[in-house]
């Protein structure tokens, strides 16, 4: 499950909450003999536990996840997921990816992973993609491009003046963008 920065995008419900719901649905639809593990995909990727039959553990991992403040590298997550699948004795190998599939998280030039199959032959796992940004060609995106904090002696001995630049990376013009800057 993608927990990168883009998953914080909100229009009613955040993409992250949509992704959590999709991941829960994926776990619920598995057959009784299908092993499962959850791989949180964020700026850092920690190898997951070996796939097992404990659905409660998978749901618990999903419940504890929080979105990150940096981008996820889905290609790296695919590789880590493939290594975890090699530990499963089940012949069918499937990776279910729940993400918004943004340009910053998915590098199309990176080949899909392979894993060790029968007779040590390299095989590609089945990839199931669940796009939580479906219906949105472009996600509206505004970000702080520059922040400067400097002393403001004209306002008092301990005063600080903060200036910032907001960039609009959306197709539509933006008006009245609210920004919160915390110091310290």
Protein backbone atom coordinates (compact mmCIF):
# COMPACT_ATOMS: atom_id res chain seq x y z
CA UNK A 1 0.00 0.00 0.00
CA UNK A 2 1.35 3.37 -1.07
CA UNK A 3 1.77 5.72 1.88
CA UNK A 4 3.73 8.40 0.01
CA UNK A 5 3.09 12.14 0.13
CA UNK A 6 0.61 12.12 -2.78
CA UNK A 7 -1.69 9.90 -0.72
CA UNK A 8 -2.38 12.92 1.53
CA UNK A 9 -4.33 14.56 -1.34
CA UNK A 10 -7.89 15.17 -0.20
CA UNK A 11 -11.16 15.81 -1.92
CA UNK A 12 -13.70 14.81 0.71
CA UNK A 13 -11.78 11.68 1.72
CA UNK A 14 -7.98 11.44 1.45
CA UNK A 15 -6.43 9.12 -1.11
CA UNK A 16 -4.75 7.42 1.84
CA UNK A 17 -8.08 6.52 3.44
CA UNK A 18 -9.38 5.31 0.07
CA UNK A 19 -6.22 3.20 -0.26
CA UNK A 20 -6.66 1.74 3.22
CA UNK A 21 -10.25 0.80 2.33
CA UNK A 22 -9.10 -0.78 -0.97
CA UNK A 23 -6.37 -2.74 0.82
CA UNK A 24 -8.85 -4.00 3.42
CA UNK A 25 -11.13 -5.08 0.56
CA UNK A 26 -8.24 -6.91 -1.12
CA UNK A 27 -7.50 -8.82 2.10
CA UNK A 28 -11.19 -9.65 2.58
CA UNK A 29 -11.52 -11.12 -0.93
CA UNK A 30 -8.60 -13.55 -0.58
CA UNK A 31 -9.38 -17.24 -0.48
CA UNK A 32 -8.82 -19.18 2.78
CA UNK A 33 -5.60 -20.72 1.43
CA UNK A 34 -4.18 -17.47 0.00
CA UNK A 35 -1.29 -16.15 2.10
CA UNK A 36 -1.07 -12.40 2.70
CA UNK A 37 1.37 -9.82 3.99
CA UNK A 38 1.16 -6.02 3.92
CA UNK A 39 4.06 -3.94 2.63
CA UNK A 40 3.79 -0.24 3.58
CA UNK A 41 5.39 1.63 0.69
CA UNK A 42 6.80 5.00 1.70
CA UNK A 43 10.11 6.86 1.53
CA UNK A 44 11.65 3.93 3.40
CA UNK A 45 10.76 0.32 2.63
CA UNK A 46 11.05 -2.31 5.34
CA UNK A 47 10.74 -5.93 4.22
CA UNK A 48 7.42 -7.31 5.47
CA UNK A 49 6.83 -10.48 7.44
CA UNK A 50 6.61 -13.65 5.37
CA UNK A 51 3.18 -14.16 3.79
CA UNK A 52 0.83 -16.05 6.11
CA UNK A 53 -2.83 -16.87 6.63
CA UNK A 54 -3.46 -14.44 9.53
CA UNK A 55 -5.89 -11.86 8.13
CA UNK A 56 -6.10 -10.15 11.52
CA UNK A 57 -2.38 -9.32 11.43
CA UNK A 58 -2.74 -7.85 7.92
CA UNK A 59 -5.70 -5.70 9.02
CA UNK A 60 -3.76 -4.57 12.12
CA UNK A 61 -0.82 -3.42 9.97
CA UNK A 62 -3.24 -1.50 7.71
CA UNK A 63 -4.92 0.14 10.74
CA UNK A 64 -1.55 1.41 12.06
CA UNK A 65 -0.33 2.93 8.77
CA UNK A 66 -0.02 6.69 8.37
CA UNK A 67 0.81 8.64 5.21
CA UNK A 68 4.38 9.92 4.88
CA UNK A 69 5.67 13.42 4.16
CA UNK A 70 7.86 12.29 1.26
CA UNK A 71 7.34 10.36 -1.97
CA UNK A 72 7.19 6.59 -2.20
CA UNK A 73 9.30 4.58 -4.66
CA UNK A 74 6.84 1.98 -5.97
CA UNK A 75 9.54 0.28 -8.06
CA UNK A 76 11.57 -0.43 -4.92
CA UNK A 77 8.40 -1.65 -3.17
CA UNK A 78 7.68 -4.03 -6.07
CA UNK A 79 11.16 -5.53 -5.63
CA UNK A 80 10.76 -5.95 -1.87
CA UNK A 81 7.30 -7.50 -2.36
CA UNK A 82 8.73 -9.96 -4.91
CA UNK A 83 11.43 -11.05 -2.41
CA UNK A 84 8.72 -11.64 0.23
CA UNK A 85 6.71 -13.71 -2.27
CA UNK A 86 9.67 -16.01 -2.84
CA UNK A 87 9.23 -17.17 0.77
CA UNK A 88 5.66 -18.34 0.09
CA UNK A 89 5.24 -21.99 -0.98
CA UNK A 90 2.01 -21.14 -2.84
CA UNK A 91 2.47 -21.63 -6.59
CA UNK A 92 0.46 -18.55 -7.65
CA UNK A 93 2.35 -15.32 -6.94
CA UNK A 94 0.37 -12.08 -6.88
CA UNK A 95 1.22 -8.54 -5.81
CA UNK A 96 -1.76 -6.25 -5.21
CA UNK A 97 -0.69 -2.60 -5.45
CA UNK A 98 -2.94 0.07 -3.93
CA UNK A 99 -1.80 3.54 -4.98
CA UNK A 100 -2.63 6.78 -6.80
CA UNK A 101 0.19 5.91 -9.25
CA UNK A 102 1.63 9.42 -9.47
CA UNK A 103 4.55 10.29 -11.73
CA UNK A 104 6.72 10.92 -8.66
CA UNK A 105 6.20 7.44 -7.24
CA UNK A 106 6.25 5.27 -10.36
CA UNK A 107 9.17 5.12 -12.77
CA UNK A 108 7.99 3.49 -15.97
CA UNK A 109 11.54 2.80 -17.18
CA UNK A 110 12.12 0.39 -14.26
CA UNK A 111 11.28 -3.20 -15.24
CA UNK A 112 8.78 -5.15 -13.17
CA UNK A 113 10.37 -7.56 -10.69
CA UNK A 114 10.88 -11.25 -11.22
CA UNK A 115 11.13 -13.91 -8.56
CA UNK A 116 12.49 -17.40 -8.22
CA UNK A 117 9.87 -19.89 -9.39
CA UNK A 118 9.85 -23.65 -9.91
CA UNK A 119 13.25 -25.10 -10.89
CA UNK A 120 14.82 -21.72 -9.99
CA UNK A 121 13.35 -20.24 -13.18
CA UNK A 122 12.67 -16.47 -13.01
CA UNK A 123 8.95 -15.63 -13.30
CA UNK A 124 6.94 -12.42 -13.07
CA UNK A 125 4.30 -12.29 -10.37
CA UNK A 126 0.77 -11.31 -11.32
CA UNK A 127 0.40 -7.56 -10.71
CA UNK A 128 -3.06 -6.29 -9.66
CA UNK A 129 -3.29 -2.49 -9.67
CA UNK A 130 -5.95 -0.71 -7.59
CA UNK A 131 -5.96 2.98 -8.53
CA UNK A 132 -7.45 5.12 -5.74
CA UNK A 133 -7.19 8.30 -7.87
CA UNK A 134 -9.45 6.90 -10.58
CA UNK A 135 -11.64 9.53 -12.12
CA UNK A 136 -8.95 12.22 -11.69
CA UNK A 137 -6.79 12.94 -14.71
CA UNK A 138 -4.83 15.53 -12.75
CA UNK A 139 -4.77 15.99 -8.98
CA UNK A 140 -4.82 19.66 -8.01
CA UNK A 141 -1.50 20.38 -6.37
CA UNK A 142 -0.20 23.48 -4.63
CA UNK A 143 3.06 23.45 -2.72
CA UNK A 144 5.50 25.68 -0.88
CA UNK A 145 8.36 26.28 -3.33
CA UNK A 146 10.39 28.55 -1.07
CA UNK A 147 10.32 29.63 2.58
CA UNK A 148 12.54 32.31 4.14
CA UNK A 149 12.59 33.27 7.80
CA UNK A 150 14.72 36.22 8.90
CA UNK A 151 14.91 38.64 11.80
CA UNK A 152 12.53 41.60 11.62
CA UNK A 153 14.08 44.19 13.96
CA UNK A 154 11.60 46.84 12.78
CA UNK A 155 8.84 44.81 14.51
CA UNK A 156 10.73 44.15 17.77
CA UNK A 157 13.82 42.50 19.20
CA UNK A 158 12.57 38.90 18.86
CA UNK A 159 10.34 39.34 15.80
CA UNK A 160 10.74 37.14 12.74
CA UNK A 161 9.52 37.85 9.23
CA UNK A 162 8.49 34.84 7.14
CA UNK A 163 8.07 34.95 3.40
CA UNK A 164 7.04 32.06 1.19
CA UNK A 165 6.19 31.26 -2.40
CA UNK A 166 3.34 28.91 -3.30
CA UNK A 167 3.42 27.18 -6.67
CA UNK A 168 0.40 25.87 -8.52
CA UNK A 169 1.10 22.61 -10.38
CA UNK A 170 -2.52 22.19 -11.48
CA UNK A 171 -4.34 22.83 -14.71
CA UNK A 172 -6.77 25.26 -13.05
CA UNK A 173 -5.87 28.68 -11.62
CA UNK A 174 -5.69 28.81 -7.84
CA UNK A 175 -7.08 31.53 -5.61
CA UNK A 176 -6.88 32.08 -1.88
CA UNK A 177 -4.51 29.23 -1.02
CA UNK A 178 -4.21 28.88 2.74
CA UNK A 179 -0.74 28.00 4.08
CA UNK A 180 0.36 27.29 7.62
CA UNK A 181 4.03 27.70 8.54
CA UNK A 182 5.29 26.47 11.92
CA UNK A 183 8.62 27.60 13.31
CA UNK A 184 10.60 25.76 15.94
